[in-house]
Amino acid sequence: MTETVAITTVMRALADPTRRAVFERIVGSDEITVVDLTRGSGVTQGAISQHLKSLKQAGLVAERPEGRNVYYRAEPQGLAPLVDWMSHYGVFWRERFADLRTLLKEIDP
């Protein structure tokens, strides 16, 4: 049950396109502040802070306060529940590709 909660939390956090864009900007940076995330995003600083809160609750980002700034960095292990869930479907695709390979060999020996 805990695994299901973790997967749901990560999926909900990444379901919002703005939140995904914020996460992608964090992933592309070593560390980044709210001010830097807000700059050029077309989203208010308050909205960015709310998105960061959701990402943090999902375990996708971590924060490091330094003086007046808070620096955010991606937490790759936060994606683990999603990666584990997706890996179950790897078997499905491997079987489909194997069937396709067999069919192509039959068509063009």
C-alpha atoms as a PDB file:
ATOM      1  CA  MET A   1       0.000   0.000   0.000  1.00  0.00           C
ATOM      2  CA  THR A   2       2.839   2.423   0.803  1.00  0.00           C
ATOM      3  CA  GLU A   3       4.300   1.824  -2.649  1.00  0.00           C
ATOM      4  CA  THR A   4       0.957   2.732  -4.231  1.00  0.00           C
ATOM      5  CA  VAL A   5       0.828   5.939  -2.196  1.00  0.00           C
ATOM      6  CA  ALA A   6       4.380   6.834  -3.307  1.00  0.00           C
ATOM      7  CA  ILE A   7       3.598   6.193  -6.975  1.00  0.00           C
ATOM      8  CA  THR A   8       0.388   8.210  -6.748  1.00  0.00           C
ATOM      9  CA  THR A   9       2.179  11.094  -5.047  1.00  0.00           C
ATOM     10  CA  VAL A  10       4.910  11.203  -7.698  1.00  0.00           C
ATOM     11  CA  MET A  11       2.409  10.928 -10.556  1.00  0.00           C
ATOM     12  CA  ARG A  12       0.234  13.682  -9.106  1.00  0.00           C
ATOM     13  CA  ALA A  13       3.263  15.907  -8.624  1.00  0.00           C
ATOM     14  CA  LEU A  14       4.348  15.436 -12.234  1.00  0.00           C
ATOM     15  CA  ALA A  15       0.840  15.555 -13.731  1.00  0.00           C
ATOM     16  CA  ASP A  16       0.750  19.346 -13.749  1.00  0.00           C
ATOM     17  CA  PRO A  17       2.573  20.754 -16.818  1.00  0.00           C
ATOM     18  CA  THR A  18       3.857  23.819 -14.974  1.00  0.00           C
ATOM     19  CA  ARG A  19       5.169  21.663 -12.143  1.00  0.00           C
ATOM     20  CA  ARG A  20       6.865  19.375 -14.670  1.00  0.00           C
ATOM     21  CA  ALA A  21       8.505  22.419 -16.257  1.00  0.00           C
ATOM     22  CA  VAL A  22       9.727  23.580 -12.830  1.00  0.00           C
ATOM     23  CA  PHE A  23      11.070  20.089 -12.112  1.00  0.00           C
ATOM     24  CA  GLU A  24      12.839  19.972 -15.483  1.00  0.00           C
ATOM     25  CA  ARG A  25      14.493  23.327 -14.786  1.00  0.00           C
ATOM     26  CA  ILE A  26      15.667  22.027 -11.420  1.00  0.00           C
ATOM     27  CA  VAL A  27      16.993  18.842 -13.011  1.00  0.00           C
ATOM     28  CA  GLY A  28      18.891  20.955 -15.554  1.00  0.00           C
ATOM     29  CA  SER A  29      20.586  22.940 -12.782  1.00  0.00           C
ATOM     30  CA  ASP A  30      22.941  21.912 -10.050  1.00  0.00           C
ATOM     31  CA  GLU A  31      20.949  24.054  -7.641  1.00  0.00           C
ATOM     32  CA  ILE A  32      18.480  26.858  -8.294  1.00  0.00           C
ATOM     33  CA  THR A  33      16.568  29.416  -6.242  1.00  0.00           C
ATOM     34  CA  VAL A  34      12.879  30.326  -6.380  1.00  0.00           C
ATOM     35  CA  VAL A  35      13.853  33.700  -7.838  1.00  0.00           C
ATOM     36  CA  ASP A  36      15.747  32.007 -10.671  1.00  0.00           C
ATOM     37  CA  LEU A  37      12.873  29.581 -11.268  1.00  0.00           C
ATOM     38  CA  THR A  38      10.398  32.459 -11.414  1.00  0.00           C
ATOM     39  CA  ARG A  39      12.489  34.536 -13.816  1.00  0.00           C
ATOM     40  CA  GLY A  40      11.250  34.009 -17.368  1.00  0.00           C
ATOM     41  CA  SER A  41       8.669  31.389 -16.374  1.00  0.00           C
ATOM     42  CA  GLY A  42       5.566  33.551 -16.655  1.00  0.00           C
ATOM     43  CA  VAL A  43       4.464  32.209 -13.270  1.00  0.00           C
ATOM     44  CA  THR A  44       4.334  34.131 -10.005  1.00  0.00           C
ATOM     45  CA  GLN A  45       6.833  33.466  -7.242  1.00  0.00           C
ATOM     46  CA  GLY A  46       3.973  32.311  -4.998  1.00  0.00           C
ATOM     47  CA  ALA A  47       2.857  29.762  -7.597  1.00  0.00           C
ATOM     48  CA  ILE A  48       6.440  28.517  -8.020  1.00  0.00           C
ATOM     49  CA  SER A  49       6.662  28.096  -4.247  1.00  0.00           C
ATOM     50  CA  GLN A  50       3.460  26.029  -4.235  1.00  0.00           C
ATOM     51  CA  HIS A  51       4.773  23.822  -7.046  1.00  0.00           C
ATOM     52  CA  LEU A  52       8.029  23.369  -5.143  1.00  0.00           C
ATOM     53  CA  LYS A  53       6.073  22.337  -2.054  1.00  0.00           C
ATOM     54  CA  SER A  54       4.321  19.588  -4.047  1.00  0.00           C
ATOM     55  CA  LEU A  55       7.589  18.425  -5.594  1.00  0.00           C
ATOM     56  CA  LYS A  56       9.238  18.361  -2.179  1.00  0.00           C
ATOM     57  CA  GLN A  57       6.363  16.385  -0.629  1.00  0.00           C
ATOM     58  CA  ALA A  58       6.697  13.854  -3.448  1.00  0.00           C
ATOM     59  CA  GLY A  59      10.410  13.491  -2.682  1.00  0.00           C
ATOM     60  CA  LEU A  60      11.433  14.860  -6.077  1.00  0.00           C
ATOM     61  CA  VAL A  61      13.372  17.883  -4.819  1.00  0.00           C
ATOM     62  CA  ALA A  62      15.352  18.841  -1.750  1.00  0.00           C
ATOM     63  CA  GLU A  63      16.077  22.287  -0.413  1.00  0.00           C
ATOM     64  CA  ARG A  64      19.126  23.893   1.147  1.00  0.00           C
ATOM     65  CA  PRO A  65      18.671  27.220   2.908  1.00  0.00           C
ATOM     66  CA  GLU A  66      21.568  29.658   2.726  1.00  0.00           C
ATOM     67  CA  GLY A  67      21.013  33.101   4.168  1.00  0.00           C
ATOM     68  CA  ARG A  68      17.938  34.622   2.555  1.00  0.00           C
ATOM     69  CA  ASN A  69      17.929  32.138  -0.305  1.00  0.00           C
ATOM     70  CA  VAL A  70      16.718  28.579  -0.501  1.00  0.00           C
ATOM     71  CA  TYR A  71      18.409  26.422  -3.128  1.00  0.00           C
ATOM     72  CA  TYR A  72      16.562  23.521  -4.703  1.00  0.00           C
ATOM     73  CA  ARG A  73      18.098  20.441  -6.280  1.00  0.00           C
ATOM     74  CA  ALA A  74      16.595  17.352  -7.873  1.00  0.00           C
ATOM     75  CA  GLU A  75      16.406  14.140  -5.881  1.00  0.00           C
ATOM     76  CA  PRO A  76      16.697  11.360  -8.493  1.00  0.00           C
ATOM     77  CA  GLN A  77      15.707   8.661  -5.988  1.00  0.00           C
ATOM     78  CA  GLY A  78      12.318  10.403  -5.764  1.00  0.00           C
ATOM     79  CA  LEU A  79      11.530   8.955  -9.187  1.00  0.00           C
ATOM     80  CA  ALA A  80      12.211   5.390  -7.970  1.00  0.00           C
ATOM     81  CA  PRO A  81       8.538   4.488  -7.336  1.00  0.00           C
ATOM     82  CA  LEU A  82       7.643   5.591 -10.856  1.00  0.00           C
ATOM     83  CA  VAL A  83      10.606   3.778 -12.406  1.00  0.00           C
ATOM     84  CA  ASP A  84       9.739   0.599 -10.492  1.00  0.00           C
ATOM     85  CA  TRP A  85       6.129   0.812 -11.621  1.00  0.00           C
ATOM     86  CA  MET A  86       7.161   1.376 -15.254  1.00  0.00           C
ATOM     87  CA  SER A  87       9.600  -1.541 -15.173  1.00  0.00           C
ATOM     88  CA  HIS A  88       6.647  -3.912 -14.863  1.00  0.00           C
ATOM     89  CA  TYR A  89       5.663  -2.869 -18.370  1.00  0.00           C
ATOM     90  CA  GLY A  90       9.117  -3.606 -19.768  1.00  0.00           C
ATOM     91  CA  VAL A  91       8.108  -7.255 -20.139  1.00  0.00           C
ATOM     92  CA  PHE A  92       5.112  -6.189 -22.198  1.00  0.00           C
ATOM     93  CA  TRP A  93       7.300  -4.222 -24.639  1.00  0.00           C
ATOM     94  CA  ARG A  94      10.028  -6.873 -24.841  1.00  0.00           C
ATOM     95  CA  GLU A  95       7.411  -9.462 -25.825  1.00  0.00           C
ATOM     96  CA  ARG A  96       5.927  -7.133 -28.434  1.00  0.00           C
ATOM     97  CA  PHE A  97       9.336  -6.385 -29.955  1.00  0.00           C
ATOM     98  CA  ALA A  98      10.179 -10.085 -30.025  1.00  0.00           C
ATOM     99  CA  ASP A  99       6.886 -10.760 -31.855  1.00  0.00           C
ATOM    100  CA  LEU A 100       7.662  -7.944 -34.301  1.00  0.00           C
ATOM    101  CA  ARG A 101      11.165  -9.318 -34.900  1.00  0.00           C
ATOM    102  CA  THR A 102       9.700 -12.771 -35.634  1.00  0.00           C
ATOM    103  CA  LEU A 103       7.120 -11.310 -38.007  1.00  0.00           C
ATOM    104  CA  LEU A 104       9.736  -9.284 -39.881  1.00  0.00           C
ATOM    105  CA  LYS A 105      11.888 -12.380 -40.302  1.00  0.00           C
ATOM    106  CA  GLU A 106       8.902 -14.275 -41.690  1.00  0.00           C
ATOM    107  CA  ILE A 107       8.113 -11.472 -44.139  1.00  0.00           C
ATOM    108  CA  ASP A 108      11.701 -10.980 -45.305  1.00  0.00           C
ATOM    109  CA  PRO A 109      13.772 -14.089 -44.525  1.00  0.00           C
END
